[in-house]
Amino acid sequence: MAGTQAVTTDMGTGLSVLFVLLAIAGAAVTFVTPGTETAAWGFATAMIAGVLAVAASHLYQN
């Protein structure tokens, strides 16, 4: 007899961790180079990566 099989994935967790690490790197760039255009790009990277981390956890929730 064929039974039902549930398949789960940890993609949401993996993507969230990836984007959180990217956000931490962006925040570090902002901290290391204060008052420059590079700091602004680091801040933008951190904000976008943070949004994507939350979105990934919501999109791939079980």
C-alpha atoms as a PDB file:
ATOM      1  CA  MET A   1       0.000   0.000   0.000  1.00  0.00           C
ATOM      2  CA  ALA A   2       1.166   3.460  -0.793  1.00  0.00           C
ATOM      3  CA  GLY A   3       1.178   5.777   2.193  1.00  0.00           C
ATOM      4  CA  THR A   4       1.391   9.499   2.442  1.00  0.00           C
ATOM      5  CA  GLN A   5       4.729  11.064   2.957  1.00  0.00           C
ATOM      6  CA  ALA A   6       5.381  14.513   4.399  1.00  0.00           C
ATOM      7  CA  VAL A   7       8.367  16.406   3.144  1.00  0.00           C
ATOM      8  CA  THR A   8       9.814  19.242   5.167  1.00  0.00           C
ATOM      9  CA  THR A   9      12.613  21.603   4.335  1.00  0.00           C
ATOM     10  CA  ASP A  10      14.913  23.866   6.301  1.00  0.00           C
ATOM     11  CA  MET A  11      15.328  26.310   3.435  1.00  0.00           C
ATOM     12  CA  GLY A  12      13.676  29.128   5.406  1.00  0.00           C
ATOM     13  CA  THR A  13      16.105  28.673   8.267  1.00  0.00           C
ATOM     14  CA  GLY A  14      19.104  28.430   5.967  1.00  0.00           C
ATOM     15  CA  LEU A  15      18.182  31.505   3.977  1.00  0.00           C
ATOM     16  CA  SER A  16      17.444  33.431   7.157  1.00  0.00           C
ATOM     17  CA  VAL A  17      20.859  32.558   8.565  1.00  0.00           C
ATOM     18  CA  LEU A  18      22.526  33.548   5.293  1.00  0.00           C
ATOM     19  CA  PHE A  19      20.781  36.918   5.183  1.00  0.00           C
ATOM     20  CA  VAL A  20      21.454  37.575   8.884  1.00  0.00           C
ATOM     21  CA  LEU A  21      25.156  36.980   8.297  1.00  0.00           C
ATOM     22  CA  LEU A  22      25.022  39.381   5.352  1.00  0.00           C
ATOM     23  CA  ALA A  23      23.261  41.936   7.557  1.00  0.00           C
ATOM     24  CA  ILE A  24      25.957  41.576  10.213  1.00  0.00           C
ATOM     25  CA  ALA A  25      28.630  42.147   7.571  1.00  0.00           C
ATOM     26  CA  GLY A  26      26.813  45.265   6.354  1.00  0.00           C
ATOM     27  CA  ALA A  27      26.532  46.568   9.920  1.00  0.00           C
ATOM     28  CA  ALA A  28      30.237  45.914  10.434  1.00  0.00           C
ATOM     29  CA  VAL A  29      31.068  47.955   7.324  1.00  0.00           C
ATOM     30  CA  THR A  30      28.916  50.774   8.704  1.00  0.00           C
ATOM     31  CA  PHE A  31      30.727  50.597  12.048  1.00  0.00           C
ATOM     32  CA  VAL A  32      34.234  50.449  10.558  1.00  0.00           C
ATOM     33  CA  THR A  33      33.805  53.350   8.104  1.00  0.00           C
ATOM     34  CA  PRO A  34      31.620  55.968   9.836  1.00  0.00           C
ATOM     35  CA  GLY A  35      30.574  59.060   7.921  1.00  0.00           C
ATOM     36  CA  THR A  36      31.435  57.806   4.436  1.00  0.00           C
ATOM     37  CA  GLU A  37      29.488  56.678   1.411  1.00  0.00           C
ATOM     38  CA  THR A  38      30.734  53.152   2.089  1.00  0.00           C
ATOM     39  CA  ALA A  39      29.036  53.283   5.485  1.00  0.00           C
ATOM     40  CA  ALA A  40      25.793  54.252   3.770  1.00  0.00           C
ATOM     41  CA  TRP A  41      26.061  51.269   1.439  1.00  0.00           C
ATOM     42  CA  GLY A  42      26.819  49.024   4.422  1.00  0.00           C
ATOM     43  CA  PHE A  43      23.713  50.314   6.178  1.00  0.00           C
ATOM     44  CA  ALA A  44      21.602  49.767   3.063  1.00  0.00           C
ATOM     45  CA  THR A  45      22.965  46.236   2.751  1.00  0.00           C
ATOM     46  CA  ALA A  46      22.178  45.519   6.396  1.00  0.00           C
ATOM     47  CA  MET A  47      18.600  46.801   6.083  1.00  0.00           C
ATOM     48  CA  ILE A  48      17.841  44.923   2.869  1.00  0.00           C
ATOM     49  CA  ALA A  49      19.404  41.710   4.184  1.00  0.00           C
ATOM     50  CA  GLY A  50      17.376  42.025   7.390  1.00  0.00           C
ATOM     51  CA  VAL A  51      14.143  42.376   5.446  1.00  0.00           C
ATOM     52  CA  LEU A  52      15.047  39.391   3.292  1.00  0.00           C
ATOM     53  CA  ALA A  53      15.889  37.303   6.383  1.00  0.00           C
ATOM     54  CA  VAL A  54      12.432  37.919   7.834  1.00  0.00           C
ATOM     55  CA  ALA A  55      10.754  37.363   4.465  1.00  0.00           C
ATOM     56  CA  ALA A  56      12.570  34.042   3.952  1.00  0.00           C
ATOM     57  CA  SER A  57      11.462  32.733   7.321  1.00  0.00           C
ATOM     58  CA  HIS A  58       7.851  33.654   6.535  1.00  0.00           C
ATOM     59  CA  LEU A  59       7.835  32.329   2.970  1.00  0.00           C
ATOM     60  CA  TYR A  60       9.221  28.910   3.881  1.00  0.00           C
ATOM     61  CA  GLN A  61       7.403  28.303   7.155  1.00  0.00           C
ATOM     62  CA  ASN A  62       5.707  24.962   7.658  1.00  0.00           C
END
